[in-house]
Amino acid sequence: MKHLHLPHPSLRRPLLGLALLAALVGAQAQTRGGTLSVIVAPEPSILVPAVNSQVATQYVGSKIYQGLLSYGADLKPRPELAASWKISPDGLTYTFELQKGVTWHDGKPFTADDAVFTIDKMLRETHPRTRVVLNNHVAGIKALAPHTLEITLKAAFPAFISSFEVGTMPMMPKHLYDGTDYRTNPANQKPVGTGPFMLKEWKRGAFVKLERYPAYWKKGLPYVDEVVFNVIPDAASRAVAFEKGDAHIVKGGDIEAAEVKRLRGVPGVQFSTQGWELFSPSIHMQTNMRKPPFDNVKVRQAVMHAMNRNFIVNTVFQGLGRPLAAPFASTTLFSDNKNVPQYPYDLRKARELIKESGVNVGATPVRLLANGLGGNYDRLDEYTKQQLEQLGFKVNIEAADGGTWGSKVANWDFDVTTNLPYQYGDPALGVERLYITKNIVKGTPFANNQGYSNPVADGLWAKAGIETDGAKRQALYSELQKVLVADAANIWLLEVEFATLAQPYVKNAITSGHNLTENFEQVWLDRK
């Protein structure tokens, strides 16, 4: 077993010399050409991350589209479509100097007008996560020159600089989308971005094939000629594809945790859990609080006590995770999990809370909506059913594929389900959206779908988001976490450690802190 090659020195700060040496050695030996074969699961419904933010869309679309910035494992911003940027001393004005010589895949130039259109018009309407940030915090956006963009905020918002990666703020071509229905625009089926690859062929149910964009603005990149995203429905077949060499990379969630454990031991296979620092994925149970029994806080607290998080991590997810009983992942800024109310596994306490609630939890069967990811998640659903039934619930597991799950959760058509949101480094970007009252909206499965509402929590979110003093911001978020945990605003279960496996000849598989949305421009195949 080898560890994945990480070429950027910021990703291995404690071993700076070794990481830099590895990068230099790689630079001397890079080989152009070949086809990179990977897996996408489930098959995306669309390849445009501005219109759909589900994982499969982000994974493929991030090779076609780009953001203004990317981020290292240290979460510090790096240039992408923005060559440089500066923030005014009062934190209100962000000025970006854009790269010159960038063209869309149809040959039209990328300019600040595209950025203004994307941020000020399209994403305010289409992106379920980004629109919350833009509508709450952005006062104005304008092009100062063809390659100069200025964004003015309503108030200082420290998290804003972390919101420019392609999955959060993908740049879109104004000349194709302005004045159209963004969701039905024909360009959604023939995506046009600025990224290193462009769409060559999409055979539904089989593969999505991308090819090198010959006029890509980064000279000499990408290294591979093509990237093929293979659509393989079941996890067992995906593991076989990797074992046979038909798939060169498998990312977190592509295969079962038990298969990760087995395949990482194959000689030469590269393994890493790095590259997910920006996302900090966590799994929680979402309960519909609009109706009994989960409208009662004591019932939710009982469920918190009924879930054995160590069992879930060690048995269901084969050790690829850490127990979590709070809203902030340990890798998210301002996490304060040791100082929140604690919910140790205790079925006796859980039954006492059910009794105190006065709710007959078995009066109506509860629908546990499967999230469509299969494998470990199906086993998690079976375990959840078992634990809830020990408290007196009657539970029916409702099967669903990913699309059905997304639609049902987005329209509040569930009793209980599991969700896997990303936290995006700063709680104001990735966590706040899941709990503020104003984001109890339909249309996305990654909002406040459970219907949680607490004016105290709303006030703390608002204050913490604009506080520029780090210590004061920490104090506000610490208080907020106590409120959310006391309310059992969700049933938090674990932080997920997603693993990436790569064949021995794949180089530069991980180059950032957001592996899911890396663009593969630096990946090359050493077939010597």
Protein backbone atom coordinates (compact mmCIF):
# COMPACT_ATOMS: atom_id res chain seq x y z
CA MET A 1 0.00 0.00 0.00
CA LYS A 2 1.24 3.44 -0.94
CA HIS A 3 0.00 6.86 0.04
CA LEU A 4 -1.34 9.09 -2.71
CA HIS A 5 1.06 11.57 -4.26
CA LEU A 6 0.21 15.07 -3.03
CA PRO A 7 2.14 17.55 -5.18
CA HIS A 8 1.26 20.85 -3.56
CA PRO A 9 3.53 21.63 -0.58
CA SER A 10 0.75 23.25 1.44
CA LEU A 11 -0.90 19.85 1.75
CA ARG A 12 2.00 18.41 3.76
CA ARG A 13 3.28 21.30 5.80
CA PRO A 14 4.98 19.14 8.45
CA LEU A 15 6.93 17.38 5.68
CA LEU A 16 7.47 20.34 3.39
CA GLY A 17 10.81 19.19 1.97
CA LEU A 18 9.60 15.68 1.14
CA ALA A 19 6.35 16.91 -0.40
CA LEU A 20 8.17 19.47 -2.50
CA LEU A 21 10.71 16.87 -3.61
CA ALA A 22 7.90 14.52 -4.61
CA ALA A 23 6.29 17.31 -6.61
CA LEU A 24 9.55 18.09 -8.40
CA VAL A 25 10.19 14.46 -9.23
CA GLY A 26 6.64 14.22 -10.61
CA ALA A 27 7.16 17.35 -12.70
CA GLN A 28 10.21 15.83 -14.36
CA ALA A 29 8.45 12.62 -15.28
CA GLN A 30 4.97 13.76 -16.30
CA THR A 31 3.59 11.97 -19.34
CA ARG A 32 0.89 13.36 -21.59
CA GLY A 33 -1.88 11.28 -23.07
CA GLY A 34 -4.05 8.36 -22.14
CA THR A 35 -7.53 7.96 -20.75
CA LEU A 36 -8.30 8.28 -17.06
CA SER A 37 -11.09 5.90 -16.07
CA VAL A 38 -13.10 6.67 -12.94
CA ILE A 39 -16.55 5.92 -11.51
CA VAL A 40 -19.57 8.13 -10.98
CA ALA A 41 -22.31 6.83 -8.70
CA PRO A 42 -25.15 7.42 -9.01
CA GLU A 43 -25.37 8.72 -12.58
CA PRO A 44 -25.87 12.50 -12.52
CA SER A 45 -29.10 13.90 -13.91
CA ILE A 46 -27.23 16.96 -15.20
CA LEU A 47 -23.59 18.08 -15.42
CA VAL A 48 -24.07 21.72 -14.44
CA PRO A 49 -23.18 22.43 -10.77
CA ALA A 50 -24.85 25.84 -10.92
CA VAL A 51 -28.19 24.12 -11.44
CA ASN A 52 -27.74 20.93 -9.39
CA SER A 53 -25.44 20.60 -6.37
CA GLN A 54 -25.68 16.85 -5.77
CA VAL A 55 -22.40 14.97 -5.45
CA ALA A 56 -22.42 13.24 -8.85
CA THR A 57 -23.03 16.52 -10.66
CA GLN A 58 -20.26 18.25 -8.74
CA TYR A 59 -17.83 15.41 -9.43
CA VAL A 60 -18.24 15.46 -13.22
CA GLY A 61 -19.11 19.13 -13.63
CA SER A 62 -15.99 20.33 -11.81
CA LYS A 63 -13.85 19.12 -14.70
CA ILE A 64 -15.90 21.23 -17.13
CA TYR A 65 -16.54 24.38 -15.07
CA GLN A 66 -14.32 26.40 -12.74
CA GLY A 67 -14.60 28.75 -9.78
CA LEU A 68 -12.68 31.91 -9.10
CA LEU A 69 -10.62 30.16 -6.42
CA SER A 70 -9.61 26.72 -5.21
CA TYR A 71 -8.42 25.73 -1.73
CA GLY A 72 -5.62 23.71 -0.18
CA ALA A 73 -5.91 21.23 2.67
CA ASP A 74 -5.15 24.17 4.96
CA LEU A 75 -8.32 25.81 3.52
CA LYS A 76 -6.31 28.78 2.27
CA PRO A 77 -7.46 30.15 -1.10
CA ARG A 78 -5.51 29.59 -4.30
CA PRO A 79 -5.83 31.31 -7.70
CA GLU A 80 -8.12 29.73 -10.28
CA LEU A 81 -10.12 31.95 -12.65
CA ALA A 82 -9.11 34.80 -10.36
CA ALA A 83 -5.39 35.54 -10.67
CA SER A 84 -5.34 37.67 -7.52
CA TRP A 85 -7.69 39.27 -5.01
CA LYS A 86 -7.75 41.78 -2.19
CA ILE A 87 -10.14 42.50 0.64
CA SER A 88 -10.66 46.04 1.94
CA PRO A 89 -9.63 46.73 5.57
CA ASP A 90 -13.28 47.01 6.63
CA GLY A 91 -14.05 43.59 5.11
CA LEU A 92 -16.77 44.98 2.85
CA THR A 93 -15.17 45.05 -0.59
CA TYR A 94 -13.62 42.11 -2.46
CA THR A 95 -11.75 42.92 -5.67
CA PHE A 96 -10.71 40.13 -8.03
CA GLU A 97 -8.30 40.43 -10.94
CA LEU A 98 -9.35 37.72 -13.37
CA GLN A 99 -7.10 35.57 -15.52
CA LYS A 100 -6.64 36.87 -19.06
CA GLY A 101 -6.82 34.74 -22.17
CA VAL A 102 -9.48 32.40 -20.77
CA THR A 103 -12.10 31.18 -23.22
CA TRP A 104 -15.29 29.21 -22.90
CA HIS A 105 -15.41 25.88 -24.71
CA ASP A 106 -17.26 27.57 -27.59
CA GLY A 107 -14.37 30.01 -28.03
CA LYS A 108 -16.01 33.09 -26.48
CA PRO A 109 -13.85 35.02 -23.97
CA PHE A 110 -14.43 34.76 -20.23
CA THR A 111 -14.73 38.22 -18.68
CA ALA A 112 -15.90 39.96 -15.53
CA ASP A 113 -19.34 40.28 -17.13
CA ASP A 114 -19.70 36.49 -16.91
CA ALA A 115 -18.77 36.60 -13.23
CA VAL A 116 -21.26 39.39 -12.51
CA PHE A 117 -24.03 37.51 -14.30
CA THR A 118 -23.19 34.24 -12.55
CA ILE A 119 -23.02 35.61 -9.02
CA ASP A 120 -25.61 38.38 -9.15
CA LYS A 121 -28.28 36.71 -11.27
CA MET A 122 -28.01 32.99 -11.93
CA LEU A 123 -26.71 31.60 -8.64
CA ARG A 124 -29.07 33.80 -6.61
CA GLU A 125 -31.85 31.80 -8.22
CA THR A 126 -30.48 28.33 -8.91
CA HIS A 127 -27.92 27.32 -6.29
CA PRO A 128 -29.64 26.13 -3.08
CA ARG A 129 -26.63 26.74 -0.85
CA THR A 130 -24.94 29.73 -2.48
CA ARG A 131 -28.11 31.75 -2.90
CA VAL A 132 -28.49 31.88 0.88
CA VAL A 133 -25.04 33.44 1.23
CA LEU A 134 -25.53 35.85 -1.67
CA ASN A 135 -29.00 37.00 -0.68
CA ASN A 136 -28.06 37.46 2.96
CA HIS A 137 -24.67 39.11 2.57
CA VAL A 138 -23.98 40.58 -0.88
CA ALA A 139 -24.98 44.21 -1.50
CA GLY A 140 -23.62 44.68 -5.01
CA ILE A 141 -21.51 43.19 -7.78
CA LYS A 142 -19.98 45.00 -10.74
CA ALA A 143 -17.30 44.77 -13.39
CA LEU A 144 -14.75 47.56 -12.95
CA ALA A 145 -12.94 46.50 -16.14
CA PRO A 146 -13.09 43.51 -18.51
CA HIS A 147 -10.99 41.48 -16.09
CA THR A 148 -11.71 43.20 -12.76
CA LEU A 149 -14.61 42.18 -10.52
CA GLU A 150 -15.80 43.98 -7.40
CA ILE A 151 -18.16 42.48 -4.82
CA THR A 152 -19.53 44.63 -2.00
CA LEU A 153 -21.01 43.09 1.14
CA LYS A 154 -23.79 44.45 3.36
CA ALA A 155 -21.59 43.85 6.40
CA ALA A 156 -18.29 42.13 7.04
CA PHE A 157 -18.64 38.37 6.48
CA PRO A 158 -15.35 36.54 7.18
CA ALA A 159 -16.51 33.25 5.65
CA PHE A 160 -17.07 34.82 2.24
CA ILE A 161 -13.53 34.20 1.00
CA SER A 162 -14.13 30.46 1.40
CA SER A 163 -17.09 30.35 -0.98
CA PHE A 164 -15.50 30.52 -4.43
CA GLU A 165 -14.70 26.91 -5.33
CA VAL A 166 -16.45 25.41 -8.32
CA GLY A 167 -19.05 23.42 -6.40
CA THR A 168 -20.16 26.53 -4.54
CA MET A 169 -19.72 29.29 -7.11
CA PRO A 170 -19.15 27.87 -10.63
CA MET A 171 -18.69 30.51 -13.31
CA MET A 172 -21.30 30.32 -16.06
CA PRO A 173 -21.35 31.74 -19.64
CA LYS A 174 -23.55 34.82 -19.74
CA HIS A 175 -23.95 34.64 -23.52
CA LEU A 176 -25.67 31.24 -23.23
CA TYR A 177 -27.80 31.73 -20.11
CA ASP A 178 -28.76 35.38 -19.68
CA GLY A 179 -32.47 35.92 -20.27
CA THR A 180 -33.30 32.21 -20.34
CA ASP A 181 -34.92 29.70 -18.03
CA TYR A 182 -31.74 28.48 -16.32
CA ARG A 183 -33.11 25.05 -15.48
CA THR A 184 -34.41 24.21 -18.97
CA ASN A 185 -31.72 25.91 -21.03
CA PRO A 186 -30.46 23.56 -23.81
CA ALA A 187 -26.90 24.37 -22.74
CA ASN A 188 -27.53 22.20 -19.68
CA GLN A 189 -27.36 19.16 -21.99
CA LYS A 190 -24.26 20.42 -23.82
CA PRO A 191 -22.33 22.14 -21.05
CA VAL A 192 -19.88 24.91 -21.93
CA GLY A 193 -17.31 25.79 -19.28
CA THR A 194 -13.75 27.09 -19.01
CA GLY A 195 -12.27 23.94 -17.45
CA PRO A 196 -9.61 21.56 -18.73
CA PHE A 197 -12.14 19.11 -20.17
CA MET A 198 -15.25 19.41 -22.31
CA LEU A 199 -18.09 16.99 -22.96
CA LYS A 200 -17.44 14.50 -25.75
CA GLU A 201 -20.15 11.90 -25.25
CA TRP A 202 -22.77 10.94 -22.70
CA LYS A 203 -24.25 7.47 -23.09
CA ARG A 204 -26.95 7.35 -20.45
CA GLY A 205 -26.64 4.41 -18.13
CA ALA A 206 -23.10 3.63 -19.32
CA PHE A 207 -20.61 6.52 -19.21
CA VAL A 208 -19.85 10.22 -19.48
CA LYS A 209 -16.78 10.89 -21.62
CA LEU A 210 -14.85 14.16 -21.42
CA GLU A 211 -11.98 15.18 -23.70
CA ARG A 212 -9.16 17.70 -23.35
CA TYR A 213 -10.10 21.28 -24.22
CA PRO A 214 -7.35 22.16 -26.70
CA ALA A 215 -7.48 25.91 -25.94
CA TYR A 216 -7.35 25.52 -22.16
CA TRP A 217 -5.87 28.62 -20.60
CA LYS A 218 -3.28 26.77 -18.51
CA LYS A 219 -0.64 25.92 -21.07
CA GLY A 220 0.45 22.29 -21.14
CA LEU A 221 -2.55 21.10 -19.14
CA PRO A 222 -4.39 18.81 -18.76
CA TYR A 223 -2.07 15.83 -19.11
CA VAL A 224 -4.59 13.11 -19.98
CA ASP A 225 -6.51 13.12 -23.27
CA GLU A 226 -9.81 11.93 -21.86
CA VAL A 227 -11.65 11.22 -18.63
CA VAL A 228 -14.33 8.54 -18.66
CA PHE A 229 -16.84 8.46 -15.80
CA ASN A 230 -18.24 4.93 -15.75
CA VAL A 231 -21.79 4.46 -14.50
CA ILE A 232 -21.73 1.23 -12.48
CA PRO A 233 -24.92 0.84 -10.42
CA ASP A 234 -23.83 -1.48 -7.59
CA ALA A 235 -20.95 -1.10 -5.18
CA ALA A 236 -19.72 -4.69 -5.57
CA SER A 237 -19.27 -4.26 -9.32
CA ARG A 238 -17.47 -0.97 -8.73
CA ALA A 239 -14.98 -2.73 -6.46
CA VAL A 240 -14.43 -5.41 -9.11
CA ALA A 241 -13.82 -2.73 -11.75
CA PHE A 242 -11.09 -1.20 -9.60
CA GLU A 243 -9.56 -4.56 -8.77
CA LYS A 244 -9.37 -5.48 -12.48
CA GLY A 245 -7.86 -2.10 -13.35
CA ASP A 246 -10.88 -0.96 -15.38
CA ALA A 247 -11.27 1.94 -12.93
CA HIS A 248 -8.14 3.90 -12.06
CA ILE A 249 -9.54 5.84 -9.07
CA VAL A 250 -12.36 5.19 -6.64
CA LYS A 251 -13.38 8.01 -4.33
CA GLY A 252 -15.21 8.07 -1.03
CA GLY A 253 -18.59 6.40 -1.27
CA ASP A 254 -17.93 4.55 -4.53
CA ILE A 255 -17.38 1.22 -2.79
CA GLU A 256 -18.30 -0.36 0.52
CA ALA A 257 -16.17 0.35 3.58
CA ALA A 258 -15.28 -3.35 3.82
CA GLU A 259 -14.00 -3.27 0.25
CA VAL A 260 -11.91 -0.19 0.99
CA LYS A 261 -10.33 -2.10 3.85
CA ARG A 262 -9.59 -5.07 1.56
CA LEU A 263 -8.39 -3.19 -1.53
CA ARG A 264 -6.08 -0.83 0.34
CA GLY A 265 -4.03 -3.90 1.19
CA VAL A 266 -3.44 -4.83 -2.45
CA PRO A 267 0.26 -4.28 -3.29
CA GLY A 268 0.87 -0.94 -5.01
CA VAL A 269 -2.62 0.47 -4.42
CA GLN A 270 -2.49 4.06 -3.18
CA PHE A 271 -4.73 5.05 -0.26
CA SER A 272 -5.55 8.37 1.39
CA THR A 273 -8.27 10.05 3.41
CA GLN A 274 -6.92 13.49 2.53
CA GLY A 275 -8.62 15.86 0.13
CA TRP A 276 -11.89 16.29 2.05
CA GLU A 277 -10.80 19.07 4.40
CA LEU A 278 -13.07 21.70 2.84
CA PHE A 279 -16.14 19.48 2.89
CA SER A 280 -15.89 17.82 6.34
CA PRO A 281 -18.78 15.44 5.51
CA SER A 282 -20.94 14.21 8.36
CA ILE A 283 -23.99 11.98 8.61
CA HIS A 284 -27.07 12.82 10.62
CA MET A 285 -30.62 11.57 10.91
CA GLN A 286 -33.19 14.14 9.90
CA THR A 287 -36.56 13.98 11.62
CA ASN A 288 -39.62 15.79 10.31
CA MET A 289 -40.46 18.18 13.17
CA ARG A 290 -43.71 19.39 11.65
CA LYS A 291 -45.74 16.55 13.15
CA PRO A 292 -45.67 13.92 15.92
CA PRO A 293 -43.68 12.24 17.21
CA PHE A 294 -40.60 14.27 16.27
CA ASP A 295 -42.11 17.66 17.03
CA ASN A 296 -41.39 16.79 20.69
CA VAL A 297 -37.86 17.63 21.83
CA LYS A 298 -37.78 14.85 24.43
CA VAL A 299 -38.50 12.29 21.72
CA ARG A 300 -35.59 13.63 19.67
CA GLN A 301 -33.34 13.62 22.72
CA ALA A 302 -34.34 10.01 23.34
CA VAL A 303 -33.27 9.06 19.82
CA MET A 304 -29.94 10.82 20.39
CA HIS A 305 -29.34 8.51 23.38
CA ALA A 306 -30.55 5.42 21.49
CA MET A 307 -27.87 5.54 18.79
CA ASN A 308 -24.59 3.77 19.53
CA ARG A 309 -22.18 5.92 17.54
CA ASN A 310 -19.13 3.77 18.24
CA PHE A 311 -20.97 0.77 16.82
CA ILE A 312 -21.98 2.77 13.76
CA VAL A 313 -18.41 3.91 13.08
CA ASN A 314 -16.62 0.65 13.84
CA THR A 315 -19.11 -1.89 12.50
CA VAL A 316 -21.32 -0.21 9.91
CA PHE A 317 -18.59 2.01 8.43
CA GLN A 318 -15.62 -0.26 9.18
CA GLY A 319 -13.75 2.41 11.12
CA LEU A 320 -13.86 5.05 8.39
CA GLY A 321 -15.21 7.83 10.56
CA ARG A 322 -15.45 9.40 14.01
CA PRO A 323 -18.47 9.52 16.35
CA LEU A 324 -20.33 12.84 16.23
CA ALA A 325 -23.14 14.02 18.49
CA ALA A 326 -23.12 17.72 17.58
CA PRO A 327 -23.72 19.91 14.49
CA PHE A 328 -20.11 20.99 13.80
CA ALA A 329 -17.62 18.41 12.55
CA SER A 330 -14.35 18.45 14.48
CA THR A 331 -12.56 19.74 11.36
CA THR A 332 -14.96 22.67 10.90
CA LEU A 333 -13.91 26.06 12.22
CA PHE A 334 -15.23 26.95 15.70
CA SER A 335 -16.19 23.38 16.57
CA ASP A 336 -16.69 23.06 20.35
CA ASN A 337 -18.05 19.55 20.72
CA LYS A 338 -16.63 18.92 24.19
CA ASN A 339 -18.66 21.74 25.71
CA VAL A 340 -22.12 20.85 24.44
CA PRO A 341 -24.74 18.68 26.18
CA GLN A 342 -23.67 15.06 25.86
CA TYR A 343 -25.77 12.12 24.67
CA PRO A 344 -23.94 8.91 25.55
CA TYR A 345 -25.46 5.67 24.29
CA ASP A 346 -28.05 4.81 26.97
CA LEU A 347 -31.24 2.95 26.05
CA ARG A 348 -32.55 3.19 29.62
CA LYS A 349 -32.25 6.98 29.54
CA ALA A 350 -33.82 7.02 26.06
CA ARG A 351 -36.87 5.09 27.30
CA GLU A 352 -37.20 7.44 30.29
CA LEU A 353 -37.27 10.44 27.94
CA ILE A 354 -39.94 8.80 25.79
CA LYS A 355 -42.03 8.28 28.92
CA GLU A 356 -41.47 11.90 30.01
CA SER A 357 -42.54 13.14 26.59
CA GLY A 358 -46.03 11.68 27.00
CA VAL A 359 -45.97 10.74 23.31
CA ASN A 360 -47.18 7.35 22.12
CA VAL A 361 -44.39 6.87 19.59
CA GLY A 362 -45.93 3.65 18.31
CA ALA A 363 -49.30 5.19 17.50
CA THR A 364 -48.43 5.74 13.84
CA PRO A 365 -45.80 3.85 11.84
CA VAL A 366 -42.74 5.94 11.02
CA ARG A 367 -41.39 5.98 7.45
CA LEU A 368 -37.58 5.77 7.36
CA LEU A 369 -36.66 7.03 3.88
CA ALA A 370 -33.53 5.38 2.43
CA ASN A 371 -31.09 7.86 0.90
CA GLY A 372 -30.35 5.77 -2.19
CA LEU A 373 -26.62 5.38 -1.52
CA GLY A 374 -26.99 1.69 -0.64
CA GLY A 375 -24.43 -0.51 1.11
CA ASN A 376 -23.31 0.99 4.41
CA TYR A 377 -26.28 3.34 4.41
CA ASP A 378 -28.76 0.49 4.01
CA ARG A 379 -27.15 -1.18 7.00
CA LEU A 380 -27.35 2.08 8.92
CA ASP A 381 -31.09 2.20 8.16
CA GLU A 382 -31.54 -1.36 9.45
CA TYR A 383 -29.67 -0.48 12.64
CA THR A 384 -31.73 2.71 13.07
CA LYS A 385 -34.95 0.73 12.64
CA GLN A 386 -33.78 -1.74 15.28
CA GLN A 387 -32.90 1.00 17.77
CA LEU A 388 -36.10 2.98 17.26
CA GLU A 389 -38.21 -0.15 17.69
CA GLN A 390 -36.53 -0.72 21.06
CA LEU A 391 -38.06 2.61 22.10
CA GLY A 392 -41.54 1.59 20.95
CA PHE A 393 -41.58 3.04 17.45
CA LYS A 394 -43.05 1.11 14.54
CA VAL A 395 -40.70 1.66 11.59
CA ASN A 396 -41.06 0.94 7.88
CA ILE A 397 -38.02 1.45 5.66
CA GLU A 398 -39.03 3.15 2.42
CA ALA A 399 -36.71 2.24 -0.46
CA ALA A 400 -35.58 5.05 -2.77
CA ASP A 401 -32.91 5.85 -5.33
CA GLY A 402 -30.90 9.06 -5.06
CA GLY A 403 -33.27 11.11 -7.21
CA THR A 404 -36.35 9.98 -5.32
CA TRP A 405 -34.67 10.65 -1.99
CA GLY A 406 -33.68 14.16 -3.07
CA SER A 407 -37.18 14.96 -4.31
CA LYS A 408 -38.94 13.62 -1.22
CA VAL A 409 -36.64 15.37 1.26
CA ALA A 410 -36.80 18.61 -0.75
CA ASN A 411 -40.59 18.49 -0.49
CA TRP A 412 -40.67 17.42 3.18
CA ASP A 413 -42.20 14.03 2.30
CA PHE A 414 -40.46 11.96 4.98
CA ASP A 415 -40.61 11.08 8.67
CA VAL A 416 -36.97 10.11 9.19
CA THR A 417 -34.06 9.93 6.80
CA THR A 418 -30.27 10.13 6.79
CA ASN A 419 -28.46 13.04 5.20
CA LEU A 420 -24.82 13.63 4.29
CA PRO A 421 -24.25 17.38 4.02
CA TYR A 422 -20.86 19.02 3.55
CA GLN A 423 -19.75 21.74 5.97
CA TYR A 424 -17.51 23.77 3.62
CA GLY A 425 -14.91 24.78 6.17
CA ASP A 426 -16.83 27.59 7.83
CA PRO A 427 -20.14 27.08 9.68
CA ALA A 428 -21.62 30.18 8.05
CA LEU A 429 -21.32 28.45 4.67
CA GLY A 430 -22.12 24.81 5.26
CA VAL A 431 -23.86 24.41 8.62
CA GLU A 432 -26.01 27.51 9.04
CA ARG A 433 -28.18 26.62 6.02
CA LEU A 434 -29.34 23.45 7.81
CA TYR A 435 -30.79 25.24 10.86
CA ILE A 436 -31.88 28.83 10.20
CA THR A 437 -35.61 29.48 10.05
CA LYS A 438 -35.46 31.47 6.81
CA ASN A 439 -34.01 28.41 5.06
CA ILE A 440 -37.05 26.22 5.76
CA VAL A 441 -37.65 26.06 2.03
CA LYS A 442 -38.68 23.44 -0.47
CA GLY A 443 -36.68 22.62 -3.58
CA THR A 444 -33.44 21.21 -2.15
CA PRO A 445 -32.59 18.32 0.19
CA PHE A 446 -29.77 20.36 1.73
CA ALA A 447 -31.73 23.06 3.54
CA ASN A 448 -33.59 23.15 6.86
CA ASN A 449 -35.77 20.27 5.67
CA GLN A 450 -36.56 19.07 9.18
CA GLY A 451 -38.33 22.35 9.96
CA TYR A 452 -36.27 23.34 13.00
CA SER A 453 -36.92 26.86 14.24
CA ASN A 454 -35.52 28.65 17.29
CA PRO A 455 -35.28 32.48 17.40
CA VAL A 456 -32.38 32.27 19.85
CA ALA A 457 -30.40 30.11 17.43
CA ASP A 458 -31.32 32.39 14.51
CA GLY A 459 -29.98 35.39 16.41
CA LEU A 460 -26.72 33.65 17.24
CA TRP A 461 -26.23 32.57 13.62
CA ALA A 462 -26.74 36.15 12.47
CA LYS A 463 -24.29 37.63 14.99
CA ALA A 464 -21.59 34.99 14.54
CA GLY A 465 -21.64 35.20 10.76
CA ILE A 466 -20.64 38.88 10.68
CA GLU A 467 -18.36 38.97 13.73
CA THR A 468 -14.77 39.69 12.65
CA ASP A 469 -13.08 39.11 16.01
CA GLY A 470 -12.08 35.44 16.16
CA ALA A 471 -12.50 35.03 19.92
CA LYS A 472 -15.91 36.68 19.94
CA ARG A 473 -16.98 34.59 16.98
CA GLN A 474 -15.91 31.44 18.80
CA ALA A 475 -17.93 32.45 21.87
CA LEU A 476 -21.05 32.99 19.75
CA TYR A 477 -20.68 29.69 17.92
CA SER A 478 -19.98 27.84 21.18
CA GLU A 479 -23.22 29.15 22.65
CA LEU A 480 -25.07 28.31 19.44
CA GLN A 481 -23.84 24.71 19.45
CA LYS A 482 -25.17 24.27 22.99
CA VAL A 483 -28.61 25.49 21.86
CA LEU A 484 -28.74 23.21 18.82
CA VAL A 485 -27.61 20.14 20.75
CA ALA A 486 -30.04 20.76 23.60
CA ASP A 487 -32.84 21.02 21.00
CA ALA A 488 -31.63 17.89 19.17
CA ALA A 489 -32.03 19.93 16.00
CA ASN A 490 -30.82 16.85 14.13
CA ILE A 491 -29.71 13.39 15.27
CA TRP A 492 -25.97 13.57 14.58
CA LEU A 493 -24.15 10.28 14.10
CA LEU A 494 -20.64 10.47 12.66
CA GLU A 495 -18.01 12.37 10.75
CA VAL A 496 -17.20 10.44 7.59
CA GLU A 497 -13.64 9.70 6.54
CA PHE A 498 -13.90 9.25 2.80
CA ALA A 499 -11.06 7.22 1.33
CA THR A 500 -9.55 7.57 -2.13
CA LEU A 501 -7.93 4.55 -3.75
CA ALA A 502 -5.81 4.84 -6.89
CA GLN A 503 -3.91 2.46 -9.12
CA PRO A 504 -0.10 2.53 -8.75
CA TYR A 505 0.40 4.37 -12.04
CA VAL A 506 -1.98 7.26 -11.29
CA LYS A 507 -0.13 10.42 -10.27
CA ASN A 508 -1.45 13.62 -8.66
CA ALA A 509 -4.81 12.10 -7.75
CA ILE A 510 -5.19 14.56 -4.85
CA THR A 511 -3.99 18.15 -5.16
CA SER A 512 -6.39 20.18 -3.01
CA GLY A 513 -8.62 20.23 0.04
CA HIS A 514 -11.70 19.53 -2.10
CA ASN A 515 -10.91 16.27 -3.86
CA LEU A 516 -14.48 15.79 -5.04
CA THR A 517 -14.36 18.94 -7.16
CA GLU A 518 -10.75 18.82 -8.33
CA ASN A 519 -10.53 19.22 -12.09
CA PHE A 520 -8.00 16.43 -12.87
CA GLU A 521 -5.82 18.85 -14.87
CA GLN A 522 -2.69 17.61 -13.08
CA VAL A 523 -3.46 13.90 -13.13
CA TRP A 524 -1.15 11.84 -15.33
CA LEU A 525 -0.62 8.15 -15.95
CA ASP A 526 2.83 6.65 -15.47
CA ARG A 527 2.56 3.58 -17.69
CA LYS A 528 6.31 2.99 -18.05
